[in-house]
Amino acid sequence: MIACLRRAALVVSIIALTVGATVAPATATAGKPTSLRVNGTQTQVSEKLYKSHGGLLGNFWILTFVPLYESESLVIATGTERFVGCVDVNLNRACQASEPSGELQFDYVQWATFDPSTGALIEGNCVHPITGGRDSFQGARGLVTMHDVLVEGDVRTTYEGTVVLNAVPADASAAQLPRAHAFAARPQAAHTFAADVSSASRGHC
């Protein structure tokens, strides 16, 4: 378990260094880098899909899930996601033509604790570095963190972070390979400790 925790910590450190390395040179690009702070909440629609409210307005899709460590009380995993929607700059709950929109691509590292006697979520946390994007988000980078807790028996997911538009040159962004959009379901072992709890109670992280 300690080895897995160290591995997860290493992944988080690499992600932080990567975000810093890609965002810092952005001033040399033709398009001026613009940092947008975002925060809000999410609600689960299905096992793979979350509706995002607030600064990131749209849909979050879980594409892959790779467990690093699993027990009855702790799950550590990495994977990929994509967001389709906009940055709701004026927070009017609508994507307008003047607001940046399109698709954002993410990697993530998550760690969640559960009650081993019931499988119920205790707390979940995850870090989501932005690895690329399309349309207005081409060349975007940044970082979003999420937090899951139980509130009166329901999972409440909140998020906050920064989306940096035009963080990398357009030609470098265009050269990125398309991300896989095939969802890798969690192995059955990941569900055995929570057999009596619906997937909606496990949260985004």
N, C-alpha and C. Protein backbone atom coordinates (compact mmCIF):
# COMPACT_ATOMS: atom_id res chain seq x y z
N MET A 1 0.83 -1.20 0.00
CA MET A 1 0.00 0.00 0.00
C MET A 1 0.87 1.26 0.00
N ILE A 2 1.95 1.26 0.85
CA ILE A 2 2.84 2.42 0.91
C ILE A 2 3.47 2.66 -0.46
N ALA A 3 3.86 1.56 -1.12
CA ALA A 3 4.46 1.71 -2.45
C ALA A 3 3.48 2.35 -3.42
N CYS A 4 2.21 1.95 -3.35
CA CYS A 4 1.19 2.53 -4.23
C CYS A 4 0.96 4.00 -3.93
N LEU A 5 0.95 4.35 -2.62
CA LEU A 5 0.77 5.75 -2.26
C LEU A 5 1.94 6.59 -2.75
N ARG A 6 3.17 6.03 -2.64
CA ARG A 6 4.33 6.75 -3.14
C ARG A 6 4.25 6.92 -4.65
N ARG A 7 3.75 5.87 -5.33
CA ARG A 7 3.61 5.95 -6.78
C ARG A 7 2.61 7.02 -7.17
N ALA A 8 1.48 7.08 -6.44
CA ALA A 8 0.47 8.10 -6.72
C ALA A 8 1.03 9.49 -6.45
N ALA A 9 1.80 9.63 -5.35
CA ALA A 9 2.41 10.92 -5.05
C ALA A 9 3.37 11.34 -6.15
N LEU A 10 4.12 10.38 -6.70
CA LEU A 10 5.04 10.68 -7.79
C LEU A 10 4.29 11.15 -9.01
N VAL A 11 3.14 10.49 -9.33
CA VAL A 11 2.34 10.89 -10.48
C VAL A 11 1.84 12.32 -10.31
N VAL A 12 1.36 12.66 -9.09
CA VAL A 12 0.87 14.01 -8.83
C VAL A 12 2.01 15.02 -9.00
N SER A 13 3.22 14.69 -8.50
CA SER A 13 4.35 15.59 -8.63
C SER A 13 4.72 15.82 -10.08
N ILE A 14 4.71 14.74 -10.87
CA ILE A 14 5.03 14.86 -12.30
C ILE A 14 4.00 15.73 -13.00
N ILE A 15 2.70 15.54 -12.64
CA ILE A 15 1.64 16.35 -13.23
C ILE A 15 1.85 17.82 -12.93
N ALA A 16 2.17 18.14 -11.66
CA ALA A 16 2.38 19.53 -11.28
C ALA A 16 3.54 20.14 -12.05
N LEU A 17 4.63 19.38 -12.19
CA LEU A 17 5.78 19.88 -12.94
C LEU A 17 5.44 20.07 -14.40
N THR A 18 4.64 19.14 -14.96
CA THR A 18 4.26 19.23 -16.37
C THR A 18 3.42 20.46 -16.64
N VAL A 19 2.45 20.74 -15.75
CA VAL A 19 1.60 21.91 -15.93
C VAL A 19 2.44 23.18 -15.89
N GLY A 20 3.36 23.27 -14.93
CA GLY A 20 4.22 24.44 -14.84
C GLY A 20 5.09 24.59 -16.07
N ALA A 21 5.59 23.48 -16.59
CA ALA A 21 6.50 23.53 -17.73
C ALA A 21 5.78 23.95 -18.99
N THR A 22 4.52 23.54 -19.16
CA THR A 22 3.81 23.84 -20.40
C THR A 22 3.19 25.24 -20.37
N VAL A 23 2.80 25.71 -19.19
CA VAL A 23 2.15 27.01 -19.13
C VAL A 23 3.16 28.14 -19.16
N ALA A 24 4.30 27.97 -18.52
CA ALA A 24 5.26 29.05 -18.39
C ALA A 24 5.71 29.64 -19.73
N PRO A 25 6.04 28.82 -20.78
CA PRO A 25 6.52 29.40 -22.03
C PRO A 25 5.43 30.01 -22.90
N ALA A 26 4.20 30.03 -22.42
CA ALA A 26 3.08 30.41 -23.28
C ALA A 26 3.16 31.85 -23.76
N THR A 27 3.91 32.70 -23.07
CA THR A 27 3.99 34.10 -23.49
C THR A 27 4.65 34.25 -24.86
N ALA A 28 5.33 33.20 -25.32
CA ALA A 28 6.01 33.28 -26.61
C ALA A 28 5.10 32.92 -27.77
N THR A 29 3.88 32.49 -27.49
CA THR A 29 2.97 32.07 -28.55
C THR A 29 2.31 33.29 -29.19
N ALA A 30 1.74 33.05 -30.40
CA ALA A 30 1.08 34.14 -31.12
C ALA A 30 -0.16 34.61 -30.39
N GLY A 31 -0.98 33.67 -29.88
CA GLY A 31 -2.16 34.01 -29.12
C GLY A 31 -1.77 34.28 -27.68
N LYS A 32 -2.33 35.33 -27.09
CA LYS A 32 -1.97 35.71 -25.73
C LYS A 32 -2.59 34.75 -24.74
N PRO A 33 -1.79 34.12 -23.85
CA PRO A 33 -2.35 33.23 -22.84
C PRO A 33 -3.31 33.98 -21.92
N THR A 34 -4.42 33.34 -21.62
CA THR A 34 -5.42 33.93 -20.74
C THR A 34 -5.82 32.91 -19.69
N SER A 35 -5.69 33.28 -18.42
CA SER A 35 -6.04 32.37 -17.32
C SER A 35 -7.46 32.66 -16.84
N LEU A 36 -8.27 31.61 -16.76
CA LEU A 36 -9.64 31.73 -16.31
C LEU A 36 -9.84 30.84 -15.09
N ARG A 37 -10.18 31.44 -13.95
CA ARG A 37 -10.47 30.67 -12.75
C ARG A 37 -11.89 30.10 -12.84
N VAL A 38 -12.03 28.84 -12.47
CA VAL A 38 -13.34 28.19 -12.53
C VAL A 38 -13.61 27.47 -11.21
N ASN A 39 -14.89 27.37 -10.86
CA ASN A 39 -15.31 26.55 -9.73
C ASN A 39 -16.78 26.25 -9.88
N GLY A 40 -17.24 25.23 -9.17
CA GLY A 40 -18.64 24.86 -9.27
C GLY A 40 -18.90 23.49 -8.69
N THR A 41 -19.97 22.87 -9.14
CA THR A 41 -20.38 21.56 -8.65
C THR A 41 -20.65 20.64 -9.83
N GLN A 42 -20.77 19.34 -9.54
CA GLN A 42 -21.10 18.35 -10.57
C GLN A 42 -22.15 17.38 -10.04
N THR A 43 -22.98 16.90 -10.95
CA THR A 43 -23.97 15.88 -10.61
C THR A 43 -23.81 14.71 -11.57
N GLN A 44 -23.98 13.51 -11.03
CA GLN A 44 -23.78 12.31 -11.84
C GLN A 44 -25.02 11.99 -12.66
N VAL A 45 -24.81 11.72 -13.95
CA VAL A 45 -25.88 11.33 -14.86
C VAL A 45 -25.86 9.82 -15.08
N SER A 46 -24.66 9.26 -15.26
CA SER A 46 -24.47 7.82 -15.41
C SER A 46 -23.08 7.47 -14.89
N GLU A 47 -22.70 6.21 -14.98
CA GLU A 47 -21.40 5.79 -14.48
C GLU A 47 -20.26 6.54 -15.17
N LYS A 48 -20.44 6.90 -16.44
CA LYS A 48 -19.38 7.53 -17.22
C LYS A 48 -19.55 9.04 -17.36
N LEU A 49 -20.72 9.57 -17.02
CA LEU A 49 -21.05 10.95 -17.37
C LEU A 49 -21.45 11.77 -16.14
N TYR A 50 -20.85 12.98 -16.05
CA TYR A 50 -21.19 13.94 -15.01
C TYR A 50 -21.57 15.27 -15.65
N LYS A 51 -22.63 15.87 -15.14
CA LYS A 51 -23.03 17.21 -15.58
C LYS A 51 -22.31 18.24 -14.72
N SER A 52 -21.64 19.18 -15.38
CA SER A 52 -20.84 20.18 -14.68
C SER A 52 -21.58 21.52 -14.66
N HIS A 53 -21.63 22.12 -13.48
CA HIS A 53 -22.30 23.41 -13.28
C HIS A 53 -21.29 24.44 -12.79
N GLY A 54 -21.55 25.71 -13.05
CA GLY A 54 -20.64 26.76 -12.60
C GLY A 54 -19.73 27.23 -13.70
N GLY A 55 -18.45 27.42 -13.38
CA GLY A 55 -17.50 27.96 -14.36
C GLY A 55 -17.29 27.05 -15.54
N LEU A 56 -17.23 25.73 -15.32
CA LEU A 56 -17.18 24.76 -16.42
C LEU A 56 -18.60 24.24 -16.62
N LEU A 57 -19.22 24.68 -17.69
CA LEU A 57 -20.62 24.35 -17.94
C LEU A 57 -20.71 23.36 -19.10
N GLY A 58 -21.12 22.12 -18.79
CA GLY A 58 -21.20 21.11 -19.83
C GLY A 58 -21.14 19.71 -19.26
N ASN A 59 -20.53 18.79 -20.00
CA ASN A 59 -20.49 17.37 -19.62
C ASN A 59 -19.06 16.88 -19.45
N PHE A 60 -18.83 16.14 -18.37
CA PHE A 60 -17.55 15.47 -18.12
C PHE A 60 -17.74 13.99 -18.39
N TRP A 61 -16.93 13.42 -19.28
CA TRP A 61 -16.96 12.00 -19.60
C TRP A 61 -15.72 11.31 -19.05
N ILE A 62 -15.91 10.24 -18.27
CA ILE A 62 -14.79 9.41 -17.84
C ILE A 62 -14.46 8.45 -18.98
N LEU A 63 -13.23 8.50 -19.47
CA LEU A 63 -12.83 7.67 -20.61
C LEU A 63 -12.11 6.41 -20.18
N THR A 64 -11.16 6.55 -19.26
CA THR A 64 -10.42 5.37 -18.79
C THR A 64 -10.24 5.45 -17.28
N PHE A 65 -10.10 4.28 -16.65
CA PHE A 65 -9.89 4.17 -15.21
C PHE A 65 -8.90 3.05 -14.98
N VAL A 66 -7.73 3.37 -14.41
CA VAL A 66 -6.66 2.39 -14.20
C VAL A 66 -6.33 2.34 -12.71
N PRO A 67 -6.76 1.29 -12.00
CA PRO A 67 -6.49 1.21 -10.56
C PRO A 67 -4.99 1.02 -10.28
N LEU A 68 -4.49 1.77 -9.31
CA LEU A 68 -3.13 1.59 -8.81
C LEU A 68 -3.13 0.80 -7.51
N TYR A 69 -4.19 0.97 -6.72
CA TYR A 69 -4.34 0.26 -5.46
C TYR A 69 -5.82 0.18 -5.12
N GLU A 70 -6.25 -0.98 -4.61
CA GLU A 70 -7.65 -1.17 -4.23
C GLU A 70 -7.74 -2.00 -2.96
N SER A 71 -8.56 -1.55 -2.02
CA SER A 71 -8.89 -2.33 -0.84
C SER A 71 -10.33 -2.00 -0.47
N GLU A 72 -10.80 -2.55 0.63
CA GLU A 72 -12.18 -2.28 1.05
C GLU A 72 -12.36 -0.84 1.52
N SER A 73 -11.26 -0.16 1.85
CA SER A 73 -11.38 1.19 2.39
C SER A 73 -10.68 2.27 1.56
N LEU A 74 -9.89 1.89 0.55
CA LEU A 74 -9.14 2.88 -0.21
C LEU A 74 -8.99 2.45 -1.66
N VAL A 75 -9.21 3.39 -2.57
CA VAL A 75 -8.97 3.18 -4.00
C VAL A 75 -8.10 4.33 -4.51
N ILE A 76 -7.01 4.00 -5.20
CA ILE A 76 -6.15 4.98 -5.85
C ILE A 76 -6.10 4.61 -7.33
N ALA A 77 -6.31 5.58 -8.21
CA ALA A 77 -6.39 5.26 -9.63
C ALA A 77 -5.97 6.46 -10.47
N THR A 78 -5.68 6.19 -11.74
CA THR A 78 -5.41 7.23 -12.72
C THR A 78 -6.31 6.97 -13.93
N GLY A 79 -6.38 7.94 -14.83
CA GLY A 79 -7.19 7.75 -16.03
C GLY A 79 -7.24 8.99 -16.88
N THR A 80 -8.19 9.00 -17.81
CA THR A 80 -8.38 10.13 -18.72
C THR A 80 -9.85 10.51 -18.76
N GLU A 81 -10.10 11.77 -19.07
CA GLU A 81 -11.46 12.31 -19.17
C GLU A 81 -11.52 13.34 -20.29
N ARG A 82 -12.73 13.70 -20.65
CA ARG A 82 -12.90 14.84 -21.54
C ARG A 82 -14.12 15.64 -21.09
N PHE A 83 -14.04 16.93 -21.28
CA PHE A 83 -15.12 17.86 -20.97
C PHE A 83 -15.59 18.49 -22.26
N VAL A 84 -16.89 18.53 -22.49
CA VAL A 84 -17.46 19.20 -23.66
C VAL A 84 -18.42 20.26 -23.16
N GLY A 85 -18.11 21.51 -23.47
CA GLY A 85 -18.94 22.61 -23.00
C GLY A 85 -18.21 23.92 -23.14
N CYS A 86 -18.35 24.80 -22.14
CA CYS A 86 -17.74 26.12 -22.22
C CYS A 86 -17.28 26.56 -20.84
N VAL A 87 -16.48 27.63 -20.84
CA VAL A 87 -16.21 28.35 -19.59
C VAL A 87 -17.27 29.44 -19.50
N ASP A 88 -18.16 29.30 -18.54
CA ASP A 88 -19.26 30.26 -18.38
C ASP A 88 -18.74 31.48 -17.65
N VAL A 89 -18.13 32.38 -18.41
CA VAL A 89 -17.42 33.52 -17.83
C VAL A 89 -18.35 34.40 -17.01
N ASN A 90 -19.55 34.66 -17.50
CA ASN A 90 -20.47 35.55 -16.78
C ASN A 90 -21.41 34.80 -15.84
N LEU A 91 -21.23 33.46 -15.77
CA LEU A 91 -22.01 32.62 -14.83
C LEU A 91 -23.52 32.81 -14.96
N ASN A 92 -23.98 32.90 -16.22
CA ASN A 92 -25.43 33.02 -16.43
C ASN A 92 -26.07 31.68 -16.77
N ARG A 93 -25.31 30.58 -16.57
CA ARG A 93 -25.79 29.21 -16.78
C ARG A 93 -26.11 28.91 -18.25
N ALA A 94 -25.42 29.62 -19.14
CA ALA A 94 -25.61 29.38 -20.58
C ALA A 94 -24.29 29.63 -21.29
N CYS A 95 -24.01 28.80 -22.32
CA CYS A 95 -22.81 29.00 -23.14
C CYS A 95 -23.13 29.99 -24.25
N GLN A 96 -22.45 31.12 -24.25
CA GLN A 96 -22.69 32.15 -25.24
C GLN A 96 -21.57 32.16 -26.27
N ALA A 97 -21.84 32.75 -27.42
CA ALA A 97 -20.89 32.74 -28.53
C ALA A 97 -19.57 33.42 -28.15
N SER A 98 -19.62 34.39 -27.24
CA SER A 98 -18.41 35.12 -26.86
C SER A 98 -17.56 34.38 -25.84
N GLU A 99 -18.05 33.26 -25.31
CA GLU A 99 -17.34 32.53 -24.28
C GLU A 99 -16.59 31.34 -24.89
N PRO A 100 -15.40 31.02 -24.36
CA PRO A 100 -14.62 29.90 -24.91
C PRO A 100 -15.36 28.58 -24.74
N SER A 101 -15.40 27.79 -25.82
CA SER A 101 -16.14 26.53 -25.77
C SER A 101 -15.45 25.49 -26.64
N GLY A 102 -15.82 24.25 -26.45
CA GLY A 102 -15.25 23.15 -27.21
C GLY A 102 -15.02 21.96 -26.33
N GLU A 103 -13.89 21.28 -26.52
CA GLU A 103 -13.55 20.08 -25.75
C GLU A 103 -12.22 20.25 -25.04
N LEU A 104 -12.21 19.93 -23.75
CA LEU A 104 -10.98 19.88 -22.96
C LEU A 104 -10.65 18.43 -22.66
N GLN A 105 -9.38 18.09 -22.71
CA GLN A 105 -8.93 16.73 -22.43
C GLN A 105 -8.11 16.74 -21.15
N PHE A 106 -8.32 15.72 -20.32
CA PHE A 106 -7.69 15.66 -19.01
C PHE A 106 -7.05 14.30 -18.76
N ASP A 107 -5.97 14.30 -17.99
CA ASP A 107 -5.55 13.13 -17.24
C ASP A 107 -6.04 13.34 -15.81
N TYR A 108 -6.03 12.30 -14.99
CA TYR A 108 -6.40 12.50 -13.59
C TYR A 108 -5.74 11.47 -12.70
N VAL A 109 -5.57 11.86 -11.43
CA VAL A 109 -5.18 10.96 -10.35
C VAL A 109 -6.23 11.11 -9.27
N GLN A 110 -6.78 10.00 -8.78
CA GLN A 110 -7.81 10.07 -7.76
C GLN A 110 -7.48 9.16 -6.59
N TRP A 111 -7.95 9.55 -5.42
CA TRP A 111 -7.85 8.70 -4.24
C TRP A 111 -9.14 8.88 -3.44
N ALA A 112 -9.76 7.78 -3.06
CA ALA A 112 -11.05 7.82 -2.36
C ALA A 112 -11.06 6.81 -1.23
N THR A 113 -11.68 7.20 -0.10
CA THR A 113 -11.81 6.31 1.04
C THR A 113 -13.27 5.92 1.22
N PHE A 114 -13.48 4.69 1.70
CA PHE A 114 -14.81 4.12 1.85
C PHE A 114 -14.96 3.47 3.22
N ASP A 115 -16.20 3.37 3.66
CA ASP A 115 -16.51 2.63 4.87
C ASP A 115 -16.46 1.14 4.52
N PRO A 116 -15.51 0.38 5.07
CA PRO A 116 -15.38 -1.03 4.66
C PRO A 116 -16.57 -1.89 5.03
N SER A 117 -17.37 -1.46 6.00
CA SER A 117 -18.53 -2.26 6.40
C SER A 117 -19.72 -2.08 5.49
N THR A 118 -19.82 -0.93 4.81
CA THR A 118 -20.97 -0.65 3.94
C THR A 118 -20.57 -0.35 2.49
N GLY A 119 -19.31 0.01 2.27
CA GLY A 119 -18.89 0.42 0.94
C GLY A 119 -19.22 1.86 0.63
N ALA A 120 -19.80 2.58 1.59
CA ALA A 120 -20.19 3.97 1.35
C ALA A 120 -18.97 4.88 1.29
N LEU A 121 -19.05 5.86 0.41
CA LEU A 121 -17.97 6.83 0.27
C LEU A 121 -17.79 7.63 1.55
N ILE A 122 -16.54 7.82 1.97
CA ILE A 122 -16.22 8.73 3.06
C ILE A 122 -15.75 10.06 2.47
N GLU A 123 -14.75 9.99 1.59
CA GLU A 123 -14.23 11.20 0.96
C GLU A 123 -13.46 10.82 -0.30
N GLY A 124 -13.56 11.67 -1.32
CA GLY A 124 -12.80 11.46 -2.55
C GLY A 124 -12.11 12.74 -2.98
N ASN A 125 -10.91 12.60 -3.51
CA ASN A 125 -10.15 13.74 -4.03
C ASN A 125 -9.51 13.34 -5.35
N CYS A 126 -9.39 14.29 -6.28
CA CYS A 126 -8.73 14.01 -7.55
C CYS A 126 -8.14 15.28 -8.14
N VAL A 127 -7.07 15.09 -8.90
CA VAL A 127 -6.36 16.17 -9.57
C VAL A 127 -6.43 15.92 -11.07
N HIS A 128 -6.84 16.94 -11.83
CA HIS A 128 -7.09 16.79 -13.27
C HIS A 128 -6.28 17.82 -14.06
N PRO A 129 -5.08 17.50 -14.53
CA PRO A 129 -4.36 18.43 -15.41
C PRO A 129 -4.96 18.42 -16.81
N ILE A 130 -5.07 19.59 -17.40
CA ILE A 130 -5.56 19.71 -18.78
C ILE A 130 -4.41 19.38 -19.72
N THR A 131 -4.63 18.43 -20.62
CA THR A 131 -3.58 17.98 -21.53
C THR A 131 -3.77 18.46 -22.97
N GLY A 132 -4.92 19.03 -23.28
CA GLY A 132 -5.17 19.50 -24.63
C GLY A 132 -6.61 19.92 -24.81
N GLY A 133 -6.96 20.27 -26.04
CA GLY A 133 -8.33 20.70 -26.29
C GLY A 133 -8.60 20.92 -27.76
N ARG A 134 -9.84 21.24 -28.04
CA ARG A 134 -10.29 21.50 -29.41
C ARG A 134 -11.11 22.78 -29.44
N ASP A 135 -11.26 23.33 -30.63
CA ASP A 135 -12.02 24.57 -30.83
C ASP A 135 -11.40 25.68 -30.00
N SER A 136 -12.16 26.39 -29.18
CA SER A 136 -11.60 27.49 -28.39
C SER A 136 -10.54 27.02 -27.41
N PHE A 137 -10.55 25.72 -27.08
CA PHE A 137 -9.63 25.17 -26.09
C PHE A 137 -8.37 24.57 -26.70
N GLN A 138 -8.17 24.74 -28.01
CA GLN A 138 -6.94 24.25 -28.62
C GLN A 138 -5.76 24.98 -28.00
N GLY A 139 -4.76 24.24 -27.55
CA GLY A 139 -3.61 24.84 -26.90
C GLY A 139 -3.81 25.15 -25.43
N ALA A 140 -4.94 24.71 -24.87
CA ALA A 140 -5.22 25.00 -23.46
C ALA A 140 -4.43 24.07 -22.54
N ARG A 141 -4.10 24.57 -21.37
CA ARG A 141 -3.53 23.80 -20.29
C ARG A 141 -4.15 24.30 -18.98
N GLY A 142 -3.78 23.70 -17.87
CA GLY A 142 -4.31 24.14 -16.60
C GLY A 142 -4.47 22.98 -15.64
N LEU A 143 -5.21 23.20 -14.58
CA LEU A 143 -5.38 22.19 -13.55
C LEU A 143 -6.72 22.40 -12.85
N VAL A 144 -7.45 21.29 -12.65
CA VAL A 144 -8.72 21.31 -11.93
C VAL A 144 -8.65 20.27 -10.82
N THR A 145 -9.05 20.64 -9.62
CA THR A 145 -9.13 19.68 -8.51
C THR A 145 -10.59 19.48 -8.15
N MET A 146 -10.92 18.26 -7.69
CA MET A 146 -12.29 17.93 -7.30
C MET A 146 -12.30 17.28 -5.93
N HIS A 147 -13.45 17.41 -5.26
CA HIS A 147 -13.60 16.89 -3.91
C HIS A 147 -15.01 16.31 -3.76
N ASP A 148 -15.09 15.06 -3.29
CA ASP A 148 -16.37 14.39 -3.06
C ASP A 148 -16.57 14.17 -1.56
N VAL A 149 -17.74 14.53 -1.06
CA VAL A 149 -18.10 14.23 0.33
C VAL A 149 -19.59 13.87 0.37
N LEU A 150 -19.98 13.19 1.43
CA LEU A 150 -21.39 12.88 1.63
C LEU A 150 -22.08 14.03 2.37
N VAL A 151 -23.20 14.47 1.84
CA VAL A 151 -24.01 15.51 2.47
C VAL A 151 -25.44 14.98 2.58
N GLU A 152 -25.86 14.68 3.79
CA GLU A 152 -27.20 14.13 4.04
C GLU A 152 -27.47 12.90 3.18
N GLY A 153 -26.45 12.04 3.09
CA GLY A 153 -26.61 10.78 2.38
C GLY A 153 -26.34 10.82 0.89
N ASP A 154 -26.16 12.01 0.32
CA ASP A 154 -25.88 12.15 -1.10
C ASP A 154 -24.45 12.65 -1.30
N VAL A 155 -23.84 12.23 -2.41
CA VAL A 155 -22.48 12.67 -2.72
C VAL A 155 -22.52 14.09 -3.30
N ARG A 156 -21.73 14.97 -2.72
CA ARG A 156 -21.61 16.33 -3.25
C ARG A 156 -20.21 16.47 -3.84
N THR A 157 -20.15 16.80 -5.14
CA THR A 157 -18.88 16.99 -5.84
C THR A 157 -18.67 18.47 -6.13
N THR A 158 -17.57 19.02 -5.65
CA THR A 158 -17.20 20.40 -5.95
C THR A 158 -15.86 20.41 -6.68
N TYR A 159 -15.61 21.46 -7.43
CA TYR A 159 -14.35 21.57 -8.16
C TYR A 159 -13.89 23.02 -8.19
N GLU A 160 -12.59 23.20 -8.41
CA GLU A 160 -12.02 24.52 -8.65
C GLU A 160 -10.73 24.35 -9.42
N GLY A 161 -10.34 25.40 -10.12
CA GLY A 161 -9.11 25.30 -10.88
C GLY A 161 -8.91 26.47 -11.82
N THR A 162 -7.96 26.29 -12.74
CA THR A 162 -7.61 27.32 -13.70
C THR A 162 -7.50 26.72 -15.09
N VAL A 163 -8.14 27.34 -16.06
CA VAL A 163 -8.01 26.98 -17.47
C VAL A 163 -7.18 28.08 -18.13
N VAL A 164 -6.05 27.70 -18.73
CA VAL A 164 -5.19 28.67 -19.40
C VAL A 164 -5.38 28.50 -20.91
N LEU A 165 -6.01 29.48 -21.53
CA LEU A 165 -6.20 29.45 -22.98
C LEU A 165 -4.91 29.86 -23.68
N ASN A 166 -4.65 29.30 -24.87
CA ASN A 166 -3.46 29.62 -25.67
C ASN A 166 -2.17 29.42 -24.87
N ALA A 167 -2.13 28.36 -24.08
CA ALA A 167 -0.95 28.11 -23.25
C ALA A 167 0.22 27.57 -24.05
N VAL A 168 -0.06 26.88 -25.14
CA VAL A 168 0.99 26.35 -26.00
C VAL A 168 0.73 26.79 -27.44
N PRO A 169 1.76 26.81 -28.29
CA PRO A 169 1.57 27.23 -29.68
C PRO A 169 0.55 26.37 -30.40
N ALA A 170 -0.17 26.97 -31.32
CA ALA A 170 -1.21 26.26 -32.05
C ALA A 170 -0.65 25.07 -32.81
N ASP A 171 0.55 25.20 -33.38
CA ASP A 171 1.10 24.10 -34.16
C ASP A 171 1.47 22.93 -33.25
N ALA A 172 1.96 23.21 -32.04
CA ALA A 172 2.29 22.14 -31.10
C ALA A 172 1.03 21.44 -30.63
N SER A 173 -0.04 22.23 -30.41
CA SER A 173 -1.30 21.63 -29.98
C SER A 173 -1.89 20.76 -31.07
N ALA A 174 -1.82 21.23 -32.32
CA ALA A 174 -2.39 20.47 -33.44
C ALA A 174 -1.65 19.17 -33.68
N ALA A 175 -0.37 19.12 -33.28
CA ALA A 175 0.44 17.93 -33.52
C ALA A 175 0.14 16.81 -32.54
N GLN A 176 -0.62 17.10 -31.49
CA GLN A 176 -0.95 16.07 -30.51
C GLN A 176 -1.81 14.99 -31.15
N LEU A 177 -1.56 13.76 -30.77
CA LEU A 177 -2.38 12.66 -31.25
C LEU A 177 -3.76 12.72 -30.62
N PRO A 178 -4.82 12.34 -31.36
CA PRO A 178 -6.16 12.31 -30.77
C PRO A 178 -6.19 11.39 -29.56
N ARG A 179 -6.92 11.79 -28.54
CA ARG A 179 -7.03 11.00 -27.34
C ARG A 179 -8.05 9.87 -27.56
N ALA A 180 -7.80 8.73 -26.94
CA ALA A 180 -8.74 7.62 -27.05
C ALA A 180 -10.02 7.97 -26.33
N HIS A 181 -11.15 7.64 -26.93
CA HIS A 181 -12.44 7.92 -26.32
C HIS A 181 -13.15 6.63 -25.91
N ALA A 182 -12.39 5.57 -25.75
CA ALA A 182 -12.99 4.31 -25.32
C ALA A 182 -12.93 4.22 -23.81
N PHE A 183 -14.07 4.01 -23.18
CA PHE A 183 -14.14 3.93 -21.73
C PHE A 183 -13.69 2.57 -21.25
N ALA A 184 -12.69 2.57 -20.36
CA ALA A 184 -12.22 1.33 -19.77
C ALA A 184 -12.92 1.14 -18.44
N ALA A 185 -13.84 0.23 -18.37
CA ALA A 185 -14.62 0.02 -17.16
C ALA A 185 -13.73 -0.47 -16.03
N ARG A 186 -14.13 -0.15 -14.80
CA ARG A 186 -13.40 -0.63 -13.65
C ARG A 186 -13.47 -2.15 -13.59
N PRO A 187 -12.36 -2.80 -13.23
CA PRO A 187 -12.41 -4.24 -13.06
C PRO A 187 -13.44 -4.61 -12.01
N GLN A 188 -13.96 -5.84 -12.10
CA GLN A 188 -14.99 -6.27 -11.16
C GLN A 188 -14.53 -6.16 -9.72
N ALA A 189 -13.20 -6.37 -9.49
CA ALA A 189 -12.68 -6.30 -8.13
C ALA A 189 -12.91 -4.94 -7.52
N ALA A 190 -12.97 -3.91 -8.35
CA ALA A 190 -13.16 -2.57 -7.82
C ALA A 190 -14.58 -2.38 -7.31
N HIS A 191 -15.49 -3.25 -7.68
CA HIS A 191 -16.87 -3.09 -7.27
C HIS A 191 -17.24 -4.02 -6.11
N THR A 192 -16.43 -5.02 -5.84
CA THR A 192 -16.84 -6.02 -4.86
C THR A 192 -17.03 -5.45 -3.47
N PHE A 193 -16.20 -4.46 -3.08
CA PHE A 193 -16.31 -3.93 -1.73
C PHE A 193 -17.49 -2.98 -1.59
N ALA A 194 -18.10 -2.57 -2.73
CA ALA A 194 -19.23 -1.65 -2.70
C ALA A 194 -20.43 -2.24 -3.40
N ALA A 195 -20.61 -3.53 -3.26
CA ALA A 195 -21.67 -4.21 -3.99
C ALA A 195 -23.05 -3.71 -3.59
N ASP A 196 -23.18 -3.24 -2.34
CA ASP A 196 -24.48 -2.80 -1.86
C ASP A 196 -24.71 -1.30 -2.05
N VAL A 197 -23.76 -0.63 -2.71
CA VAL A 197 -23.86 0.81 -2.90
C VAL A 197 -23.89 1.10 -4.38
N SER A 198 -24.83 1.97 -4.80
CA SER A 198 -24.94 2.29 -6.22
C SER A 198 -23.73 3.10 -6.67
N SER A 199 -23.45 3.07 -7.99
CA SER A 199 -22.31 3.81 -8.52
C SER A 199 -22.49 5.30 -8.29
N ALA A 200 -23.74 5.77 -8.20
CA ALA A 200 -24.00 7.19 -7.99
C ALA A 200 -23.52 7.65 -6.62
N SER A 201 -23.31 6.74 -5.68
CA SER A 201 -22.89 7.14 -4.33
C SER A 201 -21.38 7.19 -4.19
N ARG A 202 -20.63 6.87 -5.25
CA ARG A 202 -19.19 6.83 -5.13
C ARG A 202 -18.54 8.17 -5.52
N GLY A 203 -19.27 9.06 -6.15
CA GLY A 203 -18.73 10.37 -6.49
C GLY A 203 -17.87 10.35 -7.73
N HIS A 204 -17.44 11.56 -8.15
CA HIS A 204 -16.63 11.68 -9.36
C HIS A 204 -15.21 11.19 -9.11
N CYS A 205 -14.66 11.47 -7.92
CA CYS A 205 -13.29 11.09 -7.62
C CYS A 205 -13.21 9.63 -7.16
